[in-house]
Amino acid sequence: MALDPQPNAAGNVAAYRDGAGTIRSRRPGGELPLMAYERLYMPHVATCCPVLAAC
């Protein structure tokens, strides 16, 4: 899933970069809350303004 490049406290995707440099993401929840090494991000589709649409 594409994420916005900047962390966003209103986001619903937790993401971090692993030791190999790969970005890992997941949906935090009650049993597995946001970890100290993760940041919240907004999915890009939630904030994207299509080129043809009037935003």
C-alpha atoms as a PDB file:
ATOM      1  CA  MET A   1       0.000   0.000   0.000  1.00  0.00           C
ATOM      2  CA  ALA A   2       1.302   3.445  -0.861  1.00  0.00           C
ATOM      3  CA  LEU A   3       1.737   5.749   2.132  1.00  0.00           C
ATOM      4  CA  ASP A   4       2.125   9.508   2.324  1.00  0.00           C
ATOM      5  CA  PRO A   5       5.817  10.337   2.821  1.00  0.00           C
ATOM      6  CA  GLN A   6       5.355  12.250   6.098  1.00  0.00           C
ATOM      7  CA  PRO A   7       4.113  10.688   9.365  1.00  0.00           C
ATOM      8  CA  ASN A   8       0.576  11.717  10.303  1.00  0.00           C
ATOM      9  CA  ALA A   9      -0.930  11.330  13.788  1.00  0.00           C
ATOM     10  CA  ALA A  10      -4.366  10.897  12.171  1.00  0.00           C
ATOM     11  CA  GLY A  11      -3.122   7.955  10.073  1.00  0.00           C
ATOM     12  CA  ASN A  12      -4.185   4.354  10.554  1.00  0.00           C
ATOM     13  CA  VAL A  13      -1.096   2.511   9.245  1.00  0.00           C
ATOM     14  CA  ALA A  14       1.917   1.824  11.464  1.00  0.00           C
ATOM     15  CA  ALA A  15       5.185   1.640   9.536  1.00  0.00           C
ATOM     16  CA  TYR A  16       8.915   1.264  10.149  1.00  0.00           C
ATOM     17  CA  ARG A  17      12.061   0.505   8.127  1.00  0.00           C
ATOM     18  CA  ASP A  18      13.662  -2.870   8.915  1.00  0.00           C
ATOM     19  CA  GLY A  19      17.391  -3.649   8.997  1.00  0.00           C
ATOM     20  CA  ALA A  20      17.490  -4.327   5.232  1.00  0.00           C
ATOM     21  CA  GLY A  21      15.839  -0.969   4.473  1.00  0.00           C
ATOM     22  CA  THR A  22      12.430  -2.401   3.582  1.00  0.00           C
ATOM     23  CA  ILE A  23       9.421  -0.441   4.808  1.00  0.00           C
ATOM     24  CA  ARG A  24       7.101  -2.688   6.813  1.00  0.00           C
ATOM     25  CA  SER A  25       3.540  -1.652   7.573  1.00  0.00           C
ATOM     26  CA  ARG A  26       0.546  -2.974   9.464  1.00  0.00           C
ATOM     27  CA  ARG A  27      -2.699  -1.859  11.026  1.00  0.00           C
ATOM     28  CA  PRO A  28      -2.241  -1.352  14.784  1.00  0.00           C
ATOM     29  CA  GLY A  29      -5.002  -2.622  17.003  1.00  0.00           C
ATOM     30  CA  GLY A  30      -6.001  -3.450  20.551  1.00  0.00           C
ATOM     31  CA  GLU A  31      -3.889  -6.602  20.880  1.00  0.00           C
ATOM     32  CA  LEU A  32      -0.863  -5.110  19.101  1.00  0.00           C
ATOM     33  CA  PRO A  33      -0.744  -1.325  19.634  1.00  0.00           C
ATOM     34  CA  LEU A  34       1.707   1.097  18.051  1.00  0.00           C
ATOM     35  CA  MET A  35       5.283   0.145  18.991  1.00  0.00           C
ATOM     36  CA  ALA A  36       7.938   2.713  19.992  1.00  0.00           C
ATOM     37  CA  TYR A  37       9.864   2.223  16.728  1.00  0.00           C
ATOM     38  CA  GLU A  38       6.785   2.695  14.502  1.00  0.00           C
ATOM     39  CA  ARG A  39       5.177   5.881  13.208  1.00  0.00           C
ATOM     40  CA  LEU A  40       1.622   6.399  11.997  1.00  0.00           C
ATOM     41  CA  TYR A  41       1.113   7.203   8.330  1.00  0.00           C
ATOM     42  CA  MET A  42      -1.908   8.005   6.199  1.00  0.00           C
ATOM     43  CA  PRO A  43      -2.594   5.783   3.170  1.00  0.00           C
ATOM     44  CA  HIS A  44      -1.922   7.802   0.024  1.00  0.00           C
ATOM     45  CA  VAL A  45      -5.344   7.020  -1.469  1.00  0.00           C
ATOM     46  CA  ALA A  46      -6.978   8.828   1.465  1.00  0.00           C
ATOM     47  CA  THR A  47      -5.211  12.111   0.691  1.00  0.00           C
ATOM     48  CA  CYS A  48      -4.575  11.881  -3.050  1.00  0.00           C
ATOM     49  CA  CYS A  49      -6.158  14.402  -5.366  1.00  0.00           C
ATOM     50  CA  PRO A  50      -6.543  12.787  -8.800  1.00  0.00           C
ATOM     51  CA  VAL A  51      -5.119  14.827 -11.649  1.00  0.00           C
ATOM     52  CA  LEU A  52      -8.440  15.031 -13.441  1.00  0.00           C
ATOM     53  CA  ALA A  53     -10.547  15.877 -10.386  1.00  0.00           C
ATOM     54  CA  ALA A  54     -11.065  19.415  -9.146  1.00  0.00           C
ATOM     55  CA  CYS A  55      -9.655  19.487  -5.618  1.00  0.00           C
END
